[in-house]
């Protein structure tokens, strides 16, 4: 799939925890929408946050996958000049697809956004989950993995240091399970074709380290 040469409309990113180790990742822009089934066989939200953070160094491409049981949903993030190309490939069976090339999968999503706004959308999606559930509530639903607090803190640090983001950020650090200061409903952040849906501010506490891409088996 060729790299998108220009921003591809507004991006809406939302993370929705469901019961017993399942979640949905919702994406939408001006042209397309997708709702991805996510299982706890990988630490999916942590991998998304870590991949966004990986784009701040010398690395030009980061990749990870969601295990949809049985599908593999492979994310590939490519940095090209000022844009991040987001491509998601679907493979029918994760048990045999992990070593296959991207071209063997079916493209189910592609969009392009500035790094500043893509990272802000990821941060807001994570903050929304933390606001709703807190650390204890998150792990009660996600079961095998804690909320990726340290990874979110690191992404926020890189984002604020390198992206000159003028959108709202809260620098407080609550203790675990205190959650975020609540905002007046959800704020839509739209700039250069990206919408991030979630609270406009909200900090995170401490504590998640895990190599990205590790897979476990459902209990």
C-alpha atoms as a PDB file:
ATOM      1  CA  UNK A   1       0.000   0.000   0.000  1.00  0.00           C
ATOM      2  CA  UNK A   2       1.589   3.348  -0.936  1.00  0.00           C
ATOM      3  CA  UNK A   3       2.314   5.901   1.724  1.00  0.00           C
ATOM      4  CA  UNK A   4      -0.394   8.542   2.088  1.00  0.00           C
ATOM      5  CA  UNK A   5       1.065  11.822   0.858  1.00  0.00           C
ATOM      6  CA  UNK A   6      -1.266  14.167   2.766  1.00  0.00           C
ATOM      7  CA  UNK A   7      -3.445  14.104   5.900  1.00  0.00           C
ATOM      8  CA  UNK A   8      -6.510  11.967   5.257  1.00  0.00           C
ATOM      9  CA  UNK A   9      -9.203  13.784   7.200  1.00  0.00           C
ATOM     10  CA  UNK A  10     -10.233  13.852  10.822  1.00  0.00           C
ATOM     11  CA  UNK A  11      -9.131  10.938  13.009  1.00  0.00           C
ATOM     12  CA  UNK A  12     -11.278   9.793  15.893  1.00  0.00           C
ATOM     13  CA  UNK A  13      -9.638   7.237  18.200  1.00  0.00           C
ATOM     14  CA  UNK A  14     -11.517   5.645  21.077  1.00  0.00           C
ATOM     15  CA  UNK A  15     -10.656   2.717  23.355  1.00  0.00           C
ATOM     16  CA  UNK A  16     -13.551   0.819  24.927  1.00  0.00           C
ATOM     17  CA  UNK A  17     -12.990  -1.874  27.558  1.00  0.00           C
ATOM     18  CA  UNK A  18     -15.440  -4.739  27.573  1.00  0.00           C
ATOM     19  CA  UNK A  19     -15.658  -7.691  29.943  1.00  0.00           C
ATOM     20  CA  UNK A  20     -13.238 -10.523  30.630  1.00  0.00           C
ATOM     21  CA  UNK A  21     -10.187  -9.480  28.653  1.00  0.00           C
ATOM     22  CA  UNK A  22     -11.842  -7.935  25.588  1.00  0.00           C
ATOM     23  CA  UNK A  23     -11.814  -4.401  24.232  1.00  0.00           C
ATOM     24  CA  UNK A  24     -12.686  -2.488  21.082  1.00  0.00           C
ATOM     25  CA  UNK A  25     -10.556   0.101  19.356  1.00  0.00           C
ATOM     26  CA  UNK A  26     -12.706   2.454  17.302  1.00  0.00           C
ATOM     27  CA  UNK A  27     -11.225   4.541  14.484  1.00  0.00           C
ATOM     28  CA  UNK A  28     -12.962   6.927  12.133  1.00  0.00           C
ATOM     29  CA  UNK A  29     -11.996   9.696   9.742  1.00  0.00           C
ATOM     30  CA  UNK A  30     -13.757  11.708   7.068  1.00  0.00           C
ATOM     31  CA  UNK A  31     -13.913   8.703   4.745  1.00  0.00           C
ATOM     32  CA  UNK A  32     -13.812   5.453   6.711  1.00  0.00           C
ATOM     33  CA  UNK A  33     -14.480   3.865  10.060  1.00  0.00           C
ATOM     34  CA  UNK A  34     -13.330   0.650  11.731  1.00  0.00           C
ATOM     35  CA  UNK A  35     -14.036  -1.117  14.992  1.00  0.00           C
ATOM     36  CA  UNK A  36     -11.290  -3.567  15.959  1.00  0.00           C
ATOM     37  CA  UNK A  37     -11.833  -6.453  18.351  1.00  0.00           C
ATOM     38  CA  UNK A  38      -8.953  -6.685  20.811  1.00  0.00           C
ATOM     39  CA  UNK A  39      -8.146  -9.477  23.257  1.00  0.00           C
ATOM     40  CA  UNK A  40      -5.841  -9.524  26.253  1.00  0.00           C
ATOM     41  CA  UNK A  41      -3.578 -12.121  24.608  1.00  0.00           C
ATOM     42  CA  UNK A  42      -1.429  -9.074  23.876  1.00  0.00           C
ATOM     43  CA  UNK A  43      -1.259  -5.937  25.991  1.00  0.00           C
ATOM     44  CA  UNK A  44      -2.887  -3.991  23.190  1.00  0.00           C
ATOM     45  CA  UNK A  45      -3.276  -0.470  24.603  1.00  0.00           C
ATOM     46  CA  UNK A  46       0.269  -0.586  25.984  1.00  0.00           C
ATOM     47  CA  UNK A  47       1.581  -1.641  22.582  1.00  0.00           C
ATOM     48  CA  UNK A  48      -0.255   1.226  20.853  1.00  0.00           C
ATOM     49  CA  UNK A  49       1.178   3.777  23.288  1.00  0.00           C
ATOM     50  CA  UNK A  50       4.680   2.282  23.071  1.00  0.00           C
ATOM     51  CA  UNK A  51       4.590   2.301  19.265  1.00  0.00           C
ATOM     52  CA  UNK A  52       3.603   5.979  19.222  1.00  0.00           C
ATOM     53  CA  UNK A  53       6.471   6.727  21.610  1.00  0.00           C
ATOM     54  CA  UNK A  54       8.894   4.821  19.410  1.00  0.00           C
ATOM     55  CA  UNK A  55       8.447   7.386  16.637  1.00  0.00           C
ATOM     56  CA  UNK A  56      10.348  10.031  18.611  1.00  0.00           C
ATOM     57  CA  UNK A  57      13.807   8.535  18.137  1.00  0.00           C
ATOM     58  CA  UNK A  58      15.729   7.389  15.072  1.00  0.00           C
ATOM     59  CA  UNK A  59      13.189   4.671  14.355  1.00  0.00           C
ATOM     60  CA  UNK A  60      11.156   5.409  11.226  1.00  0.00           C
ATOM     61  CA  UNK A  61       8.773   2.451  11.497  1.00  0.00           C
ATOM     62  CA  UNK A  62       7.122   0.828  14.498  1.00  0.00           C
ATOM     63  CA  UNK A  63       4.821  -2.182  14.405  1.00  0.00           C
ATOM     64  CA  UNK A  64       2.759  -4.298  16.756  1.00  0.00           C
ATOM     65  CA  UNK A  65      -0.377  -6.422  16.528  1.00  0.00           C
ATOM     66  CA  UNK A  66      -3.699  -6.996  18.214  1.00  0.00           C
ATOM     67  CA  UNK A  67      -4.813 -10.582  18.756  1.00  0.00           C
ATOM     68  CA  UNK A  68      -8.486 -10.713  17.778  1.00  0.00           C
ATOM     69  CA  UNK A  69      -8.696 -14.492  18.366  1.00  0.00           C
ATOM     70  CA  UNK A  70      -8.115 -15.815  15.793  1.00  0.00           C
ATOM     71  CA  UNK A  71      -7.224 -12.868  13.536  1.00  0.00           C
ATOM     72  CA  UNK A  72      -4.007 -10.882  13.671  1.00  0.00           C
ATOM     73  CA  UNK A  73      -4.531  -7.118  13.308  1.00  0.00           C
ATOM     74  CA  UNK A  74      -1.094  -5.752  12.493  1.00  0.00           C
ATOM     75  CA  UNK A  75      -0.418  -2.036  12.947  1.00  0.00           C
ATOM     76  CA  UNK A  76       2.436  -0.427  11.019  1.00  0.00           C
ATOM     77  CA  UNK A  77       3.315   3.189  11.813  1.00  0.00           C
ATOM     78  CA  UNK A  78       5.710   4.838   9.356  1.00  0.00           C
ATOM     79  CA  UNK A  79       7.221   8.286   9.786  1.00  0.00           C
ATOM     80  CA  UNK A  80       7.646  10.194   6.534  1.00  0.00           C
ATOM     81  CA  UNK A  81       8.661  13.853   6.781  1.00  0.00           C
ATOM     82  CA  UNK A  82       5.989  15.507   8.950  1.00  0.00           C
ATOM     83  CA  UNK A  83       3.410  12.715   8.620  1.00  0.00           C
ATOM     84  CA  UNK A  84       2.738   9.409  10.357  1.00  0.00           C
ATOM     85  CA  UNK A  85       1.226   6.806   8.056  1.00  0.00           C
ATOM     86  CA  UNK A  86      -1.062   4.420   9.965  1.00  0.00           C
ATOM     87  CA  UNK A  87      -1.769   1.134   8.194  1.00  0.00           C
ATOM     88  CA  UNK A  88      -3.567  -1.853   9.723  1.00  0.00           C
ATOM     89  CA  UNK A  89      -3.394  -5.276   8.066  1.00  0.00           C
ATOM     90  CA  UNK A  90      -5.700  -8.186   8.876  1.00  0.00           C
ATOM     91  CA  UNK A  91      -4.527 -11.803   8.754  1.00  0.00           C
ATOM     92  CA  UNK A  92      -7.012 -14.657   9.273  1.00  0.00           C
ATOM     93  CA  UNK A  93      -4.997 -16.712  11.780  1.00  0.00           C
ATOM     94  CA  UNK A  94      -2.547 -15.174  14.238  1.00  0.00           C
ATOM     95  CA  UNK A  95      -1.083 -18.588  15.036  1.00  0.00           C
ATOM     96  CA  UNK A  96       0.525 -18.739  11.577  1.00  0.00           C
ATOM     97  CA  UNK A  97       0.709 -15.119  10.382  1.00  0.00           C
ATOM     98  CA  UNK A  98       3.234 -13.446  12.668  1.00  0.00           C
ATOM     99  CA  UNK A  99       6.170 -14.219  10.355  1.00  0.00           C
ATOM    100  CA  UNK A 100       4.313 -13.359   7.157  1.00  0.00           C
ATOM    101  CA  UNK A 101       5.112 -10.123   5.284  1.00  0.00           C
ATOM    102  CA  UNK A 102       2.687  -7.222   5.458  1.00  0.00           C
ATOM    103  CA  UNK A 103       1.721  -7.791   1.827  1.00  0.00           C
ATOM    104  CA  UNK A 104       0.170 -11.145   2.763  1.00  0.00           C
ATOM    105  CA  UNK A 105      -2.485  -9.361   4.820  1.00  0.00           C
ATOM    106  CA  UNK A 106      -5.523  -7.322   3.865  1.00  0.00           C
ATOM    107  CA  UNK A 107      -5.373  -3.574   4.457  1.00  0.00           C
ATOM    108  CA  UNK A 108      -8.370  -2.639   6.618  1.00  0.00           C
ATOM    109  CA  UNK A 109      -7.240   0.872   7.585  1.00  0.00           C
ATOM    110  CA  UNK A 110      -4.893   3.540   6.265  1.00  0.00           C
ATOM    111  CA  UNK A 111      -4.612   7.181   7.225  1.00  0.00           C
ATOM    112  CA  UNK A 112      -1.929   9.828   7.649  1.00  0.00           C
ATOM    113  CA  UNK A 113      -1.555  12.459  10.375  1.00  0.00           C
ATOM    114  CA  UNK A 114       1.037  14.710  11.911  1.00  0.00           C
ATOM    115  CA  UNK A 115       2.961  13.039  14.737  1.00  0.00           C
ATOM    116  CA  UNK A 116       1.848  15.766  17.121  1.00  0.00           C
ATOM    117  CA  UNK A 117      -1.825  15.122  16.558  1.00  0.00           C
ATOM    118  CA  UNK A 118      -1.574  11.339  16.272  1.00  0.00           C
ATOM    119  CA  UNK A 119       0.239  11.153  19.615  1.00  0.00           C
ATOM    120  CA  UNK A 120      -2.240  13.533  21.206  1.00  0.00           C
ATOM    121  CA  UNK A 121      -5.109  11.331  19.994  1.00  0.00           C
ATOM    122  CA  UNK A 122      -3.451   8.235  21.497  1.00  0.00           C
ATOM    123  CA  UNK A 123      -2.874  10.040  24.797  1.00  0.00           C
ATOM    124  CA  UNK A 124      -6.465  11.223  24.958  1.00  0.00           C
ATOM    125  CA  UNK A 125      -7.790   7.732  24.234  1.00  0.00           C
ATOM    126  CA  UNK A 126      -5.665   6.352  27.075  1.00  0.00           C
ATOM    127  CA  UNK A 127      -6.723   9.147  29.420  1.00  0.00           C
ATOM    128  CA  UNK A 128     -10.385   8.484  28.669  1.00  0.00           C
ATOM    129  CA  UNK A 129      -9.997   4.842  29.728  1.00  0.00           C
ATOM    130  CA  UNK A 130      -8.149   5.854  32.890  1.00  0.00           C
ATOM    131  CA  UNK A 131     -10.787   8.440  33.752  1.00  0.00           C
ATOM    132  CA  UNK A 132     -13.573   5.912  33.374  1.00  0.00           C
ATOM    133  CA  UNK A 133     -11.991   2.928  35.113  1.00  0.00           C
ATOM    134  CA  UNK A 134      -8.937   3.940  37.177  1.00  0.00           C
ATOM    135  CA  UNK A 135      -6.041   1.523  37.560  1.00  0.00           C
ATOM    136  CA  UNK A 136      -7.929  -1.070  39.601  1.00  0.00           C
ATOM    137  CA  UNK A 137     -11.005  -0.987  37.374  1.00  0.00           C
ATOM    138  CA  UNK A 138      -8.873  -1.235  34.240  1.00  0.00           C
ATOM    139  CA  UNK A 139      -7.090  -4.359  35.427  1.00  0.00           C
ATOM    140  CA  UNK A 140     -10.347  -5.897  36.648  1.00  0.00           C
ATOM    141  CA  UNK A 141     -11.622  -5.759  33.052  1.00  0.00           C
ATOM    142  CA  UNK A 142      -8.352  -6.273  31.152  1.00  0.00           C
ATOM    143  CA  UNK A 143      -7.300  -8.959  33.658  1.00  0.00           C
ATOM    144  CA  UNK A 144      -3.767  -9.947  32.612  1.00  0.00           C
ATOM    145  CA  UNK A 145      -2.203  -6.493  32.252  1.00  0.00           C
ATOM    146  CA  UNK A 146      -2.163  -3.306  34.342  1.00  0.00           C
ATOM    147  CA  UNK A 147      -2.878   0.110  32.889  1.00  0.00           C
ATOM    148  CA  UNK A 148       0.308   1.224  31.015  1.00  0.00           C
ATOM    149  CA  UNK A 149       0.937   4.258  33.186  1.00  0.00           C
ATOM    150  CA  UNK A 150       4.702   4.560  32.701  1.00  0.00           C
ATOM    151  CA  UNK A 151       4.375   4.230  28.915  1.00  0.00           C
ATOM    152  CA  UNK A 152       1.718   6.951  28.826  1.00  0.00           C
ATOM    153  CA  UNK A 153       3.891   9.204  30.983  1.00  0.00           C
ATOM    154  CA  UNK A 154       6.817   8.653  28.627  1.00  0.00           C
ATOM    155  CA  UNK A 155       4.743   9.373  25.513  1.00  0.00           C
ATOM    156  CA  UNK A 156       3.415  12.565  27.117  1.00  0.00           C
ATOM    157  CA  UNK A 157       6.963  13.664  27.980  1.00  0.00           C
ATOM    158  CA  UNK A 158       8.190  13.112  24.413  1.00  0.00           C
ATOM    159  CA  UNK A 159       5.078  14.698  22.928  1.00  0.00           C
ATOM    160  CA  UNK A 160       5.395  17.844  25.028  1.00  0.00           C
ATOM    161  CA  UNK A 161       9.157  18.074  24.498  1.00  0.00           C
ATOM    162  CA  UNK A 162       9.254  17.583  20.739  1.00  0.00           C
ATOM    163  CA  UNK A 163       5.866  18.400  19.230  1.00  0.00           C
ATOM    164  CA  UNK A 164       5.199  21.967  20.404  1.00  0.00           C
ATOM    165  CA  UNK A 165       1.619  20.915  21.084  1.00  0.00           C
ATOM    166  CA  UNK A 166      -0.650  23.828  21.922  1.00  0.00           C
ATOM    167  CA  UNK A 167      -3.528  21.645  23.097  1.00  0.00           C
ATOM    168  CA  UNK A 168      -4.422  21.268  26.755  1.00  0.00           C
ATOM    169  CA  UNK A 169      -2.276  19.072  29.033  1.00  0.00           C
ATOM    170  CA  UNK A 170      -2.418  18.558  32.800  1.00  0.00           C
ATOM    171  CA  UNK A 171       0.906  17.919  34.541  1.00  0.00           C
ATOM    172  CA  UNK A 172      -0.396  16.761  37.941  1.00  0.00           C
ATOM    173  CA  UNK A 173       0.401  13.228  39.138  1.00  0.00           C
ATOM    174  CA  UNK A 174      -2.416  11.628  41.169  1.00  0.00           C
ATOM    175  CA  UNK A 175      -1.903   8.515  43.221  1.00  0.00           C
ATOM    176  CA  UNK A 176      -3.127   5.204  41.785  1.00  0.00           C
ATOM    177  CA  UNK A 177      -6.901   4.894  41.455  1.00  0.00           C
ATOM    178  CA  UNK A 178      -7.551   8.616  41.978  1.00  0.00           C
ATOM    179  CA  UNK A 179      -8.150   9.073  38.257  1.00  0.00           C
ATOM    180  CA  UNK A 180      -8.120  12.386  36.446  1.00  0.00           C
ATOM    181  CA  UNK A 181      -9.677  15.738  37.210  1.00  0.00           C
ATOM    182  CA  UNK A 182     -12.927  15.565  35.262  1.00  0.00           C
ATOM    183  CA  UNK A 183     -13.631  17.898  32.386  1.00  0.00           C
ATOM    184  CA  UNK A 184     -17.003  19.194  31.266  1.00  0.00           C
ATOM    185  CA  UNK A 185     -17.816  16.289  28.988  1.00  0.00           C
ATOM    186  CA  UNK A 186     -15.650  15.186  26.103  1.00  0.00           C
ATOM    187  CA  UNK A 187     -13.661  17.656  24.093  1.00  0.00           C
ATOM    188  CA  UNK A 188     -13.142  17.291  20.370  1.00  0.00           C
ATOM    189  CA  UNK A 189      -9.652  18.322  19.305  1.00  0.00           C
ATOM    190  CA  UNK A 190      -9.552  19.134  15.628  1.00  0.00           C
ATOM    191  CA  UNK A 191      -6.503  20.542  13.907  1.00  0.00           C
ATOM    192  CA  UNK A 192      -4.862  19.553  10.604  1.00  0.00           C
ATOM    193  CA  UNK A 193      -7.509  16.879  10.131  1.00  0.00           C
ATOM    194  CA  UNK A 194      -7.381  15.006  13.454  1.00  0.00           C
ATOM    195  CA  UNK A 195     -10.059  14.572  16.078  1.00  0.00           C
ATOM    196  CA  UNK A 196      -9.121  13.091  19.452  1.00  0.00           C
ATOM    197  CA  UNK A 197     -12.159  12.272  21.524  1.00  0.00           C
ATOM    198  CA  UNK A 198     -11.802  12.271  25.283  1.00  0.00           C
ATOM    199  CA  UNK A 199     -11.204  14.583  28.235  1.00  0.00           C
ATOM    200  CA  UNK A 200      -9.047  17.573  27.404  1.00  0.00           C
ATOM    201  CA  UNK A 201      -6.824  17.108  30.413  1.00  0.00           C
ATOM    202  CA  UNK A 202      -5.780  14.456  32.865  1.00  0.00           C
ATOM    203  CA  UNK A 203      -2.599  12.976  34.370  1.00  0.00           C
ATOM    204  CA  UNK A 204      -1.431   9.472  35.055  1.00  0.00           C
ATOM    205  CA  UNK A 205       0.447   7.931  37.956  1.00  0.00           C
ATOM    206  CA  UNK A 206       3.182   5.301  37.793  1.00  0.00           C
ATOM    207  CA  UNK A 207       3.884   1.831  36.716  1.00  0.00           C
ATOM    208  CA  UNK A 208       3.940  -0.251  33.542  1.00  0.00           C
ATOM    209  CA  UNK A 209       6.929  -1.840  31.886  1.00  0.00           C
ATOM    210  CA  UNK A 210       6.669  -4.706  29.375  1.00  0.00           C
ATOM    211  CA  UNK A 211       8.375  -5.573  26.107  1.00  0.00           C
ATOM    212  CA  UNK A 212       5.900  -4.753  23.286  1.00  0.00           C
ATOM    213  CA  UNK A 213       4.342  -7.529  21.260  1.00  0.00           C
ATOM    214  CA  UNK A 214       4.419 -10.266  23.909  1.00  0.00           C
ATOM    215  CA  UNK A 215       1.543 -12.710  23.463  1.00  0.00           C
ATOM    216  CA  UNK A 216      -0.154 -14.865  26.072  1.00  0.00           C
ATOM    217  CA  UNK A 217      -2.906 -17.456  25.827  1.00  0.00           C
ATOM    218  CA  UNK A 218      -6.438 -16.815  27.006  1.00  0.00           C
ATOM    219  CA  UNK A 219      -7.171 -18.555  30.286  1.00  0.00           C
END
